[in-house]
PDB file of N, CA and C in Angstrom:
ATOM      1  N   UNK A   1      39.607  14.696  -6.975  1.00  0.00           N
ATOM      2  CA  UNK A   1      39.355  15.251  -5.962  1.00  0.00           C
ATOM      3  C   UNK A   1      38.454  14.169  -5.220  1.00  0.00           C
ATOM      4  N   UNK A   2      39.069  13.821  -3.969  1.00  0.00           N
ATOM      5  CA  UNK A   2      38.037  12.831  -3.255  1.00  0.00           C
ATOM      6  C   UNK A   2      36.992  13.446  -2.209  1.00  0.00           C
ATOM      7  N   UNK A   3      35.910  12.828  -2.173  1.00  0.00           N
ATOM      8  CA  UNK A   3      35.025  13.491  -1.663  1.00  0.00           C
ATOM      9  C   UNK A   3      34.921  13.046  -0.042  1.00  0.00           C
ATOM     10  N   UNK A   4      34.179  13.911   0.692  1.00  0.00           N
ATOM     11  CA  UNK A   4      34.547  13.563   2.406  1.00  0.00           C
ATOM     12  C   UNK A   4      33.216  12.474   2.552  1.00  0.00           C
ATOM     13  N   UNK A   5      33.253  11.627   3.275  1.00  0.00           N
ATOM     14  CA  UNK A   5      31.887  10.912   3.623  1.00  0.00           C
ATOM     15  C   UNK A   5      31.118  11.251   4.524  1.00  0.00           C
ATOM     16  N   UNK A   6      30.162  11.091   4.475  1.00  0.00           N
ATOM     17  CA  UNK A   6      29.092  11.391   5.794  1.00  0.00           C
ATOM     18  C   UNK A   6      27.786  10.643   5.538  1.00  0.00           C
ATOM     19  N   UNK A   7      27.487   9.907   6.687  1.00  0.00           N
ATOM     20  CA  UNK A   7      26.533   8.926   6.833  1.00  0.00           C
ATOM     21  C   UNK A   7      24.977   9.569   7.348  1.00  0.00           C
ATOM     22  N   UNK A   8      24.145   9.090   6.936  1.00  0.00           N
ATOM     23  CA  UNK A   8      22.561   9.306   7.274  1.00  0.00           C
ATOM     24  C   UNK A   8      21.991   8.032   7.491  1.00  0.00           C
ATOM     25  N   UNK A   9      21.491   7.960   8.843  1.00  0.00           N
ATOM     26  CA  UNK A   9      20.845   6.657   9.158  1.00  0.00           C
ATOM     27  C   UNK A   9      19.336   6.876   8.806  1.00  0.00           C
ATOM     28  N   UNK A  10      18.891   6.011   7.845  1.00  0.00           N
ATOM     29  CA  UNK A  10      17.395   6.211   7.185  1.00  0.00           C
ATOM     30  C   UNK A  10      16.505   6.206   8.204  1.00  0.00           C
ATOM     31  N   UNK A  11      16.712   5.409   9.354  1.00  0.00           N
ATOM     32  CA  UNK A  11      15.751   5.052  10.450  1.00  0.00           C
ATOM     33  C   UNK A  11      15.579   6.645  11.332  1.00  0.00           C
ATOM     34  N   UNK A  12      16.648   7.182  11.358  1.00  0.00           N
ATOM     35  CA  UNK A  12      16.799   8.328  12.236  1.00  0.00           C
ATOM     36  C   UNK A  12      16.007   9.445  11.730  1.00  0.00           C
ATOM     37  N   UNK A  13      16.048   9.564  10.344  1.00  0.00           N
ATOM     38  CA  UNK A  13      15.327  10.449   9.797  1.00  0.00           C
ATOM     39  C   UNK A  13      13.507  10.020   9.611  1.00  0.00           C
ATOM     40  N   UNK A  14      13.252   8.847   9.156  1.00  0.00           N
ATOM     41  CA  UNK A  14      12.191   8.422   8.865  1.00  0.00           C
ATOM     42  C   UNK A  14      11.586   7.823   9.744  1.00  0.00           C
ATOM     43  N   UNK A  15      11.910   7.216  10.786  1.00  0.00           N
ATOM     44  CA  UNK A  15      11.406   6.449  11.863  1.00  0.00           C
ATOM     45  C   UNK A  15      11.921   4.974  11.888  1.00  0.00           C
ATOM     46  N   UNK A  16      11.835   4.502  13.042  1.00  0.00           N
ATOM     47  CA  UNK A  16      12.366   2.994  13.242  1.00  0.00           C
ATOM     48  C   UNK A  16      11.333   1.963  12.677  1.00  0.00           C
ATOM     49  N   UNK A  17      11.308   2.120  11.355  1.00  0.00           N
ATOM     50  CA  UNK A  17      10.463   0.921  10.623  1.00  0.00           C
ATOM     51  C   UNK A  17      11.255  -0.229  10.019  1.00  0.00           C
ATOM     52  N   UNK A  18      10.677  -1.104   9.691  1.00  0.00           N
ATOM     53  CA  UNK A  18      11.392  -1.832   8.733  1.00  0.00           C
ATOM     54  C   UNK A  18      10.915  -1.915   7.303  1.00  0.00           C
ATOM     55  N   UNK A  19       9.540  -1.310   7.129  1.00  0.00           N
ATOM     56  CA  UNK A  19       9.152  -1.024   6.072  1.00  0.00           C
ATOM     57  C   UNK A  19       9.006   0.679   5.853  1.00  0.00           C
ATOM     58  N   UNK A  20       9.091   1.266   4.789  1.00  0.00           N
ATOM     59  CA  UNK A  20       9.031   2.737   4.588  1.00  0.00           C
ATOM     60  C   UNK A  20       8.320   2.832   3.406  1.00  0.00           C
ATOM     61  N   UNK A  21       6.937   3.218   3.598  1.00  0.00           N
ATOM     62  CA  UNK A  21       6.343   3.204   2.501  1.00  0.00           C
ATOM     63  C   UNK A  21       5.586   4.494   2.096  1.00  0.00           C
ATOM     64  N   UNK A  22       5.534   5.620   2.901  1.00  0.00           N
ATOM     65  CA  UNK A  22       4.783   6.867   2.655  1.00  0.00           C
ATOM     66  C   UNK A  22       5.536   7.988   1.898  1.00  0.00           C
ATOM     67  N   UNK A  23       4.986   8.701   1.272  1.00  0.00           N
ATOM     68  CA  UNK A  23       5.514   9.824   0.604  1.00  0.00           C
ATOM     69  C   UNK A  23       6.199  10.689   1.502  1.00  0.00           C
ATOM     70  N   UNK A  24       5.406  11.044   2.724  1.00  0.00           N
ATOM     71  CA  UNK A  24       5.895  11.943   3.722  1.00  0.00           C
ATOM     72  C   UNK A  24       7.258  11.259   4.247  1.00  0.00           C
ATOM     73  N   UNK A  25       7.554  10.142   4.640  1.00  0.00           N
ATOM     74  CA  UNK A  25       8.670   9.858   4.979  1.00  0.00           C
ATOM     75  C   UNK A  25       9.739  10.023   3.811  1.00  0.00           C
ATOM     76  N   UNK A  26       9.624   9.547   2.775  1.00  0.00           N
ATOM     77  CA  UNK A  26      10.263   9.815   1.683  1.00  0.00           C
ATOM     78  C   UNK A  26      10.898  11.234   1.525  1.00  0.00           C
ATOM     79  N   UNK A  27       9.944  12.344   1.675  1.00  0.00           N
ATOM     80  CA  UNK A  27      10.262  13.654   1.635  1.00  0.00           C
ATOM     81  C   UNK A  27      10.981  14.228   2.834  1.00  0.00           C
ATOM     82  N   UNK A  28      10.813  13.438   3.989  1.00  0.00           N
ATOM     83  CA  UNK A  28      11.843  13.908   5.093  1.00  0.00           C
ATOM     84  C   UNK A  28      13.114  13.358   4.704  1.00  0.00           C
ATOM     85  N   UNK A  29      13.361  12.208   3.945  1.00  0.00           N
ATOM     86  CA  UNK A  29      14.682  12.181   3.715  1.00  0.00           C
ATOM     87  C   UNK A  29      15.184  12.944   2.495  1.00  0.00           C
ATOM     88  N   UNK A  30      14.366  13.059   1.585  1.00  0.00           N
ATOM     89  CA  UNK A  30      14.855  14.229   0.595  1.00  0.00           C
ATOM     90  C   UNK A  30      15.208  15.398   1.094  1.00  0.00           C
ATOM     91  N   UNK A  31      14.555  15.892   1.907  1.00  0.00           N
ATOM     92  CA  UNK A  31      14.777  17.198   2.421  1.00  0.00           C
ATOM     93  C   UNK A  31      16.088  17.192   3.245  1.00  0.00           C
ATOM     94  N   UNK A  32      16.388  16.236   3.993  1.00  0.00           N
ATOM     95  CA  UNK A  32      17.651  16.063   4.746  1.00  0.00           C
ATOM     96  C   UNK A  32      18.955  16.008   3.985  1.00  0.00           C
ATOM     97  N   UNK A  33      18.590  15.112   2.689  1.00  0.00           N
ATOM     98  CA  UNK A  33      19.733  15.036   1.694  1.00  0.00           C
ATOM     99  C   UNK A  33      20.219  16.245   1.252  1.00  0.00           C
ATOM    100  N   UNK A  34      19.241  17.049   0.580  1.00  0.00           N
ATOM    101  CA  UNK A  34      19.218  18.298   0.008  1.00  0.00           C
ATOM    102  C   UNK A  34      19.805  19.310   1.106  1.00  0.00           C
ATOM    103  N   UNK A  35      19.436  19.443   2.296  1.00  0.00           N
ATOM    104  CA  UNK A  35      19.872  20.300   3.062  1.00  0.00           C
ATOM    105  C   UNK A  35      21.445  20.120   3.309  1.00  0.00           C
ATOM    106  N   UNK A  36      21.943  18.564   3.705  1.00  0.00           N
ATOM    107  CA  UNK A  36      23.051  18.344   3.899  1.00  0.00           C
ATOM    108  C   UNK A  36      24.262  18.729   2.683  1.00  0.00           C
ATOM    109  N   UNK A  37      23.589  18.480   1.557  1.00  0.00           N
ATOM    110  CA  UNK A  37      24.391  18.692   0.525  1.00  0.00           C
ATOM    111  C   UNK A  37      24.490  20.193  -0.207  1.00  0.00           C
ATOM    112  N   UNK A  38      23.605  20.906   0.209  1.00  0.00           N
ATOM    113  CA  UNK A  38      23.287  22.376   0.109  1.00  0.00           C
ATOM    114  C   UNK A  38      24.409  23.293   0.849  1.00  0.00           C
ATOM    115  N   UNK A  39      24.592  22.689   2.282  1.00  0.00           N
ATOM    116  CA  UNK A  39      25.092  23.318   3.108  1.00  0.00           C
ATOM    117  C   UNK A  39      26.569  23.556   3.001  1.00  0.00           C
ATOM    118  N   UNK A  40      27.167  24.974   3.131  1.00  0.00           N
ATOM    119  CA  UNK A  40      28.420  25.531   2.503  1.00  0.00           C
ATOM    120  C   UNK A  40      29.544  24.353   2.946  1.00  0.00           C
ATOM    121  N   UNK A  41      29.706  24.024   4.215  1.00  0.00           N
ATOM    122  CA  UNK A  41      30.893  23.038   4.350  1.00  0.00           C
ATOM    123  C   UNK A  41      30.663  21.622   3.633  1.00  0.00           C
ATOM    124  N   UNK A  42      29.342  21.315   3.027  1.00  0.00           N
ATOM    125  CA  UNK A  42      29.227  19.957   2.489  1.00  0.00           C
ATOM    126  C   UNK A  42      29.452  19.767   1.208  1.00  0.00           C
ATOM    127  N   UNK A  43      29.726  20.875   0.472  1.00  0.00           N
ATOM    128  CA  UNK A  43      30.070  20.943  -1.202  1.00  0.00           C
ATOM    129  C   UNK A  43      30.621  19.564  -1.572  1.00  0.00           C
ATOM    130  N   UNK A  44      31.524  19.168  -1.114  1.00  0.00           N
ATOM    131  CA  UNK A  44      32.496  18.092  -1.602  1.00  0.00           C
ATOM    132  C   UNK A  44      32.279  16.930  -0.689  1.00  0.00           C
ATOM    133  N   UNK A  45      30.864  16.495  -0.436  1.00  0.00           N
ATOM    134  CA  UNK A  45      30.854  15.292   0.400  1.00  0.00           C
ATOM    135  C   UNK A  45      29.781  14.138  -0.405  1.00  0.00           C
ATOM    136  N   UNK A  46      30.320  13.075  -0.269  1.00  0.00           N
ATOM    137  CA  UNK A  46      29.472  11.951  -0.727  1.00  0.00           C
ATOM    138  C   UNK A  46      28.654  11.301   0.547  1.00  0.00           C
ATOM    139  N   UNK A  47      27.208  11.132   0.499  1.00  0.00           N
ATOM    140  CA  UNK A  47      26.347  10.948   1.728  1.00  0.00           C
ATOM    141  C   UNK A  47      25.990   9.458   1.570  1.00  0.00           C
ATOM    142  N   UNK A  48      26.506   8.598   2.515  1.00  0.00           N
ATOM    143  CA  UNK A  48      26.173   7.381   2.779  1.00  0.00           C
ATOM    144  C   UNK A  48      24.672   7.230   3.326  1.00  0.00           C
ATOM    145  N   UNK A  49      23.567   6.617   2.600  1.00  0.00           N
ATOM    146  CA  UNK A  49      22.485   6.501   3.168  1.00  0.00           C
ATOM    147  C   UNK A  49      22.519   5.018   3.790  1.00  0.00           C
ATOM    148  N   UNK A  50      22.231   4.961   5.238  1.00  0.00           N
ATOM    149  CA  UNK A  50      22.471   3.769   5.736  1.00  0.00           C
ATOM    150  C   UNK A  50      20.993   3.404   5.972  1.00  0.00           C
ATOM    151  N   UNK A  51      20.701   2.070   5.540  1.00  0.00           N
ATOM    152  CA  UNK A  51      19.361   1.649   5.509  1.00  0.00           C
ATOM    153  C   UNK A  51      19.076   0.507   6.446  1.00  0.00           C
ATOM    154  N   UNK A  52      20.220   0.454   7.050  1.00  0.00           N
ATOM    155  CA  UNK A  52      20.378  -0.886   8.240  1.00  0.00           C
ATOM    156  C   UNK A  52      18.952  -0.768   8.905  1.00  0.00           C
ATOM    157  N   UNK A  53      18.267  -1.867   9.110  1.00  0.00           N
ATOM    158  CA  UNK A  53      16.919  -2.002   9.869  1.00  0.00           C
ATOM    159  C   UNK A  53      15.715  -1.977   8.773  1.00  0.00           C
ATOM    160  N   UNK A  54      16.081  -1.492   7.494  1.00  0.00           N
ATOM    161  CA  UNK A  54      14.933  -1.077   6.569  1.00  0.00           C
ATOM    162  C   UNK A  54      15.119  -2.518   5.773  1.00  0.00           C
ATOM    163  N   UNK A  55      14.207  -3.125   5.925  1.00  0.00           N
ATOM    164  CA  UNK A  55      14.030  -4.457   4.600  1.00  0.00           C
ATOM    165  C   UNK A  55      13.449  -3.711   3.264  1.00  0.00           C
ATOM    166  N   UNK A  56      12.444  -2.860   3.288  1.00  0.00           N
ATOM    167  CA  UNK A  56      11.426  -2.791   2.048  1.00  0.00           C
ATOM    168  C   UNK A  56      11.079  -1.373   2.143  1.00  0.00           C
ATOM    169  N   UNK A  57      11.077  -0.611   0.974  1.00  0.00           N
ATOM    170  CA  UNK A  57      10.664   0.785   0.608  1.00  0.00           C
ATOM    171  C   UNK A  57       9.504   0.479  -0.355  1.00  0.00           C
ATOM    172  N   UNK A  58       8.660   1.409  -0.518  1.00  0.00           N
ATOM    173  CA  UNK A  58       7.392   1.344  -1.523  1.00  0.00           C
ATOM    174  C   UNK A  58       7.855   2.329  -2.586  1.00  0.00           C
ATOM    175  N   UNK A  59       7.316   2.119  -3.675  1.00  0.00           N
ATOM    176  CA  UNK A  59       7.586   2.777  -4.922  1.00  0.00           C
ATOM    177  C   UNK A  59       7.454   4.272  -4.548  1.00  0.00           C
ATOM    178  N   UNK A  60       6.578   4.549  -3.659  1.00  0.00           N
ATOM    179  CA  UNK A  60       6.212   6.000  -3.489  1.00  0.00           C
ATOM    180  C   UNK A  60       7.244   6.601  -2.700  1.00  0.00           C
ATOM    181  N   UNK A  61       7.572   5.994  -1.663  1.00  0.00           N
ATOM    182  CA  UNK A  61       8.942   6.398  -1.147  1.00  0.00           C
ATOM    183  C   UNK A  61      10.206   6.484  -1.878  1.00  0.00           C
ATOM    184  N   UNK A  62      10.354   5.794  -2.529  1.00  0.00           N
ATOM    185  CA  UNK A  62      11.804   5.648  -3.489  1.00  0.00           C
ATOM    186  C   UNK A  62      11.441   7.108  -4.509  1.00  0.00           C
ATOM    187  N   UNK A  63      10.170   6.989  -5.210  1.00  0.00           N
ATOM    188  CA  UNK A  63      10.064   8.024  -6.024  1.00  0.00           C
ATOM    189  C   UNK A  63      10.307   9.621  -5.441  1.00  0.00           C
ATOM    190  N   UNK A  64       9.802   9.828  -4.016  1.00  0.00           N
ATOM    191  CA  UNK A  64       9.844  10.907  -3.486  1.00  0.00           C
ATOM    192  C   UNK A  64      11.451  11.206  -3.124  1.00  0.00           C
ATOM    193  N   UNK A  65      12.132  10.270  -2.928  1.00  0.00           N
ATOM    194  CA  UNK A  65      13.549  10.463  -2.700  1.00  0.00           C
ATOM    195  C   UNK A  65      14.460  10.433  -3.757  1.00  0.00           C
ATOM    196  N   UNK A  66      14.436   9.396  -4.400  1.00  0.00           N
ATOM    197  CA  UNK A  66      15.351   9.371  -5.617  1.00  0.00           C
ATOM    198  C   UNK A  66      14.754   9.817  -6.912  1.00  0.00           C
ATOM    199  N   UNK A  67      13.668   9.366  -7.233  1.00  0.00           N
ATOM    200  CA  UNK A  67      12.927  10.157  -8.440  1.00  0.00           C
ATOM    201  C   UNK A  67      12.986  11.483  -8.620  1.00  0.00           C
ATOM    202  N   UNK A  68      12.726  12.386  -7.465  1.00  0.00           N
ATOM    203  CA  UNK A  68      12.375  13.626  -7.387  1.00  0.00           C
ATOM    204  C   UNK A  68      14.098  14.021  -7.454  1.00  0.00           C
ATOM    205  N   UNK A  69      14.934  13.345  -6.458  1.00  0.00           N
ATOM    206  CA  UNK A  69      16.235  14.066  -6.793  1.00  0.00           C
ATOM    207  C   UNK A  69      17.037  13.906  -8.276  1.00  0.00           C
ATOM    208  N   UNK A  70      16.507  12.687  -9.008  1.00  0.00           N
ATOM    209  CA  UNK A  70      17.098  12.501 -10.392  1.00  0.00           C
ATOM    210  C   UNK A  70      16.385  13.606 -11.327  1.00  0.00           C
ATOM    211  N   UNK A  71      14.995  14.021 -10.998  1.00  0.00           N
ATOM    212  CA  UNK A  71      14.360  15.003 -11.689  1.00  0.00           C
ATOM    213  C   UNK A  71      15.090  16.424 -11.771  1.00  0.00           C
ATOM    214  N   UNK A  72      15.477  16.778 -10.438  1.00  0.00           N
ATOM    215  CA  UNK A  72      16.002  17.951 -10.044  1.00  0.00           C
ATOM    216  C   UNK A  72      17.613  18.254 -10.270  1.00  0.00           C
ATOM    217  N   UNK A  73      18.253  17.215 -10.135  1.00  0.00           N
ATOM    218  CA  UNK A  73      19.520  17.316 -10.109  1.00  0.00           C
ATOM    219  C   UNK A  73      20.359  16.006 -11.148  1.00  0.00           C
ATOM    220  N   UNK A  74      19.780  15.107 -11.418  1.00  0.00           N
ATOM    221  CA  UNK A  74      20.178  14.433 -12.547  1.00  0.00           C
ATOM    222  C   UNK A  74      20.715  13.085 -12.029  1.00  0.00           C
ATOM    223  N   UNK A  75      21.009  12.139 -12.802  1.00  0.00           N
ATOM    224  CA  UNK A  75      21.367  10.796 -12.486  1.00  0.00           C
ATOM    225  C   UNK A  75      22.976  10.919 -12.006  1.00  0.00           C
ATOM    226  N   UNK A  76      23.779  11.755 -12.828  1.00  0.00           N
ATOM    227  CA  UNK A  76      25.132  11.761 -12.223  1.00  0.00           C
ATOM    228  C   UNK A  76      25.388  12.112 -10.835  1.00  0.00           C
ATOM    229  N   UNK A  77      24.316  13.562 -10.686  1.00  0.00           N
ATOM    230  CA  UNK A  77      24.508  13.941  -9.290  1.00  0.00           C
ATOM    231  C   UNK A  77      24.274  12.660  -8.032  1.00  0.00           C
ATOM    232  N   UNK A  78      23.310  11.859  -8.319  1.00  0.00           N
ATOM    233  CA  UNK A  78      22.970  10.759  -7.249  1.00  0.00           C
ATOM    234  C   UNK A  78      24.197   9.904  -7.509  1.00  0.00           C
ATOM    235  N   UNK A  79      24.705   9.634  -8.422  1.00  0.00           N
ATOM    236  CA  UNK A  79      25.812   8.498  -8.712  1.00  0.00           C
ATOM    237  C   UNK A  79      27.239   9.333  -8.063  1.00  0.00           C
ATOM    238  N   UNK A  80      27.311  10.475  -7.924  1.00  0.00           N
ATOM    239  CA  UNK A  80      28.533  11.054  -7.634  1.00  0.00           C
ATOM    240  C   UNK A  80      28.312  11.493  -5.989  1.00  0.00           C
ATOM    241  N   UNK A  81      27.312  11.626  -5.649  1.00  0.00           N
ATOM    242  CA  UNK A  81      26.952  12.117  -4.084  1.00  0.00           C
ATOM    243  C   UNK A  81      26.069  11.334  -3.238  1.00  0.00           C
ATOM    244  N   UNK A  82      25.781  10.067  -3.669  1.00  0.00           N
ATOM    245  CA  UNK A  82      24.876   9.420  -2.935  1.00  0.00           C
ATOM    246  C   UNK A  82      25.256   7.694  -2.906  1.00  0.00           C
ATOM    247  N   UNK A  83      25.312   7.096  -1.687  1.00  0.00           N
ATOM    248  CA  UNK A  83      25.982   5.907  -1.491  1.00  0.00           C
ATOM    249  C   UNK A  83      24.879   4.971  -0.631  1.00  0.00           C
ATOM    250  N   UNK A  84      24.424   4.230  -1.134  1.00  0.00           N
ATOM    251  CA  UNK A  84      23.462   3.263  -0.295  1.00  0.00           C
ATOM    252  C   UNK A  84      24.224   2.306   0.445  1.00  0.00           C
ATOM    253  N   UNK A  85      23.837   2.325   1.675  1.00  0.00           N
ATOM    254  CA  UNK A  85      24.667   1.215   2.263  1.00  0.00           C
ATOM    255  C   UNK A  85      23.571   0.172   3.259  1.00  0.00           C
ATOM    256  N   UNK A  86      23.753  -0.797   3.476  1.00  0.00           N
ATOM    257  CA  UNK A  86      23.097  -1.625   4.055  1.00  0.00           C
ATOM    258  C   UNK A  86      21.687  -1.979   3.307  1.00  0.00           C
ATOM    259  N   UNK A  87      21.553  -1.613   2.229  1.00  0.00           N
ATOM    260  CA  UNK A  87      20.477  -1.727   1.300  1.00  0.00           C
ATOM    261  C   UNK A  87      20.235  -3.004   0.583  1.00  0.00           C
ATOM    262  N   UNK A  88      18.901  -3.556   0.829  1.00  0.00           N
ATOM    263  CA  UNK A  88      18.706  -4.945   0.362  1.00  0.00           C
ATOM    264  C   UNK A  88      18.589  -4.742  -1.139  1.00  0.00           C
ATOM    265  N   UNK A  89      18.618  -5.973  -1.921  1.00  0.00           N
ATOM    266  CA  UNK A  89      18.346  -5.969  -3.253  1.00  0.00           C
ATOM    267  C   UNK A  89      16.891  -5.198  -3.658  1.00  0.00           C
ATOM    268  N   UNK A  90      15.955  -5.565  -2.982  1.00  0.00           N
ATOM    269  CA  UNK A  90      14.662  -4.818  -3.172  1.00  0.00           C
ATOM    270  C   UNK A  90      14.672  -3.325  -3.146  1.00  0.00           C
ATOM    271  N   UNK A  91      15.381  -2.882  -2.075  1.00  0.00           N
ATOM    272  CA  UNK A  91      15.494  -1.447  -2.034  1.00  0.00           C
ATOM    273  C   UNK A  91      16.346  -0.818  -3.113  1.00  0.00           C
ATOM    274  N   UNK A  92      17.214  -1.180  -3.405  1.00  0.00           N
ATOM    275  CA  UNK A  92      17.929  -0.941  -4.755  1.00  0.00           C
ATOM    276  C   UNK A  92      17.153  -1.107  -6.135  1.00  0.00           C
ATOM    277  N   UNK A  93      16.499  -2.086  -6.124  1.00  0.00           N
ATOM    278  CA  UNK A  93      15.532  -2.305  -7.256  1.00  0.00           C
ATOM    279  C   UNK A  93      14.633  -1.087  -7.301  1.00  0.00           C
ATOM    280  N   UNK A  94      13.945  -0.954  -6.261  1.00  0.00           N
ATOM    281  CA  UNK A  94      12.776   0.180  -6.116  1.00  0.00           C
ATOM    282  C   UNK A  94      13.329   1.495  -6.386  1.00  0.00           C
ATOM    283  N   UNK A  95      14.441   1.833  -5.683  1.00  0.00           N
ATOM    284  CA  UNK A  95      15.113   3.170  -6.044  1.00  0.00           C
ATOM    285  C   UNK A  95      15.409   3.375  -7.505  1.00  0.00           C
ATOM    286  N   UNK A  96      16.250   2.275  -8.196  1.00  0.00           N
ATOM    287  CA  UNK A  96      16.600   2.605  -9.428  1.00  0.00           C
ATOM    288  C   UNK A  96      15.204   2.432 -10.443  1.00  0.00           C
ATOM    289  N   UNK A  97      14.207   2.052 -10.371  1.00  0.00           N
ATOM    290  CA  UNK A  97      12.690   1.751 -10.893  1.00  0.00           C
ATOM    291  C   UNK A  97      12.476   3.169 -10.529  1.00  0.00           C
ATOM    292  N   UNK A  98      12.305   3.848  -9.473  1.00  0.00           N
ATOM    293  CA  UNK A  98      11.852   5.012  -9.480  1.00  0.00           C
ATOM    294  C   UNK A  98      12.556   6.272 -10.118  1.00  0.00           C
ATOM    295  N   UNK A  99      13.664   6.031 -10.300  1.00  0.00           N
ATOM    296  CA  UNK A  99      14.521   7.196 -11.075  1.00  0.00           C
ATOM    297  C   UNK A  99      13.976   6.739 -12.434  1.00  0.00           C
ATOM    298  N   UNK A 100      14.091   5.515 -12.879  1.00  0.00           N
ATOM    299  CA  UNK A 100      13.660   5.328 -14.406  1.00  0.00           C
ATOM    300  C   UNK A 100      12.296   5.873 -14.763  1.00  0.00           C
ATOM    301  N   UNK A 101      11.237   5.574 -13.841  1.00  0.00           N
ATOM    302  CA  UNK A 101       9.890   6.266 -14.226  1.00  0.00           C
ATOM    303  C   UNK A 101       9.984   7.757 -13.966  1.00  0.00           C
ATOM    304  N   UNK A 102      10.699   8.181 -13.030  1.00  0.00           N
ATOM    305  CA  UNK A 102      10.543   9.601 -13.077  1.00  0.00           C
ATOM    306  C   UNK A 102      10.950  10.335 -14.356  1.00  0.00           C
ATOM    307  N   UNK A 103      12.390   9.779 -14.715  1.00  0.00           N
ATOM    308  CA  UNK A 103      12.800  10.392 -15.742  1.00  0.00           C
ATOM    309  C   UNK A 103      12.171  10.131 -17.180  1.00  0.00           C
ATOM    310  N   UNK A 104      11.496   9.335 -17.011  1.00  0.00           N
ATOM    311  CA  UNK A 104      10.591   8.640 -18.203  1.00  0.00           C
ATOM    312  C   UNK A 104       9.455   9.498 -18.361  1.00  0.00           C
ATOM    313  N   UNK A 105       8.926   9.921 -17.383  1.00  0.00           N
ATOM    314  CA  UNK A 105       7.560  11.002 -17.215  1.00  0.00           C
ATOM    315  C   UNK A 105       8.029  12.106 -17.508  1.00  0.00           C
ATOM    316  N   UNK A 106       9.144  12.513 -17.147  1.00  0.00           N
ATOM    317  CA  UNK A 106       9.734  13.980 -17.393  1.00  0.00           C
ATOM    318  C   UNK A 106       9.959  14.158 -19.016  1.00  0.00           C
ATOM    319  N   UNK A 107      10.561  13.183 -19.399  1.00  0.00           N
ATOM    320  CA  UNK A 107      10.655  13.128 -20.854  1.00  0.00           C
ATOM    321  C   UNK A 107       9.294  13.223 -21.827  1.00  0.00           C
ATOM    322  N   UNK A 108       8.275  12.570 -21.437  1.00  0.00           N
ATOM    323  CA  UNK A 108       7.126  12.595 -22.082  1.00  0.00           C
ATOM    324  C   UNK A 108       6.546  14.014 -21.814  1.00  0.00           C
ATOM    325  N   UNK A 109       6.689  14.699 -20.815  1.00  0.00           N
ATOM    326  CA  UNK A 109       5.782  15.897 -20.495  1.00  0.00           C
ATOM    327  C   UNK A 109       6.647  16.856 -21.365  1.00  0.00           C
ATOM    328  N   UNK A 110       7.902  16.601 -21.430  1.00  0.00           N
ATOM    329  CA  UNK A 110       8.727  17.836 -22.177  1.00  0.00           C
ATOM    330  C   UNK A 110       8.567  17.638 -23.714  1.00  0.00           C
ATOM    331  N   UNK A 111       8.090  16.503 -24.235  1.00  0.00           N
ATOM    332  CA  UNK A 111       7.382  16.185 -25.452  1.00  0.00           C
ATOM    333  C   UNK A 111       6.410  16.644 -25.920  1.00  0.00           C
ATOM    334  N   UNK A 112       5.349  16.893 -24.698  1.00  0.00           N
ATOM    335  CA  UNK A 112       3.773  17.345 -24.867  1.00  0.00           C
ATOM    336  C   UNK A 112       4.011  18.754 -24.991  1.00  0.00           C
ATOM    337  N   UNK A 113       4.987  19.557 -24.268  1.00  0.00           N
ATOM    338  CA  UNK A 113       5.100  21.093 -24.172  1.00  0.00           C
ATOM    339  C   UNK A 113       5.718  21.567 -25.420  1.00  0.00           C
TER     340      UNK A 113
END
């Protein structure tokens, strides 16, 4: 089944900055993504997150968006429903690092319990 494409402009959600560094900004984007994917009409959507105009993100921002999403929904969900557009190599690296760190932390916490 082919997924419908929908684009979210990251700056429209988080503010028109070339650097996104706060967890608050990340939370706004995370919430927007979850709202769009949870709405009835968007069950079969692949969201394109358009980072046009954003050059860099912090680990905190990336963790709040992608680390939390990986923890809640899994990496396969991200791969199947999220597409990074106009994202620099730095942004992609930070997102991947945040996902790996969050899942590593989650694994350690499970072992301790």
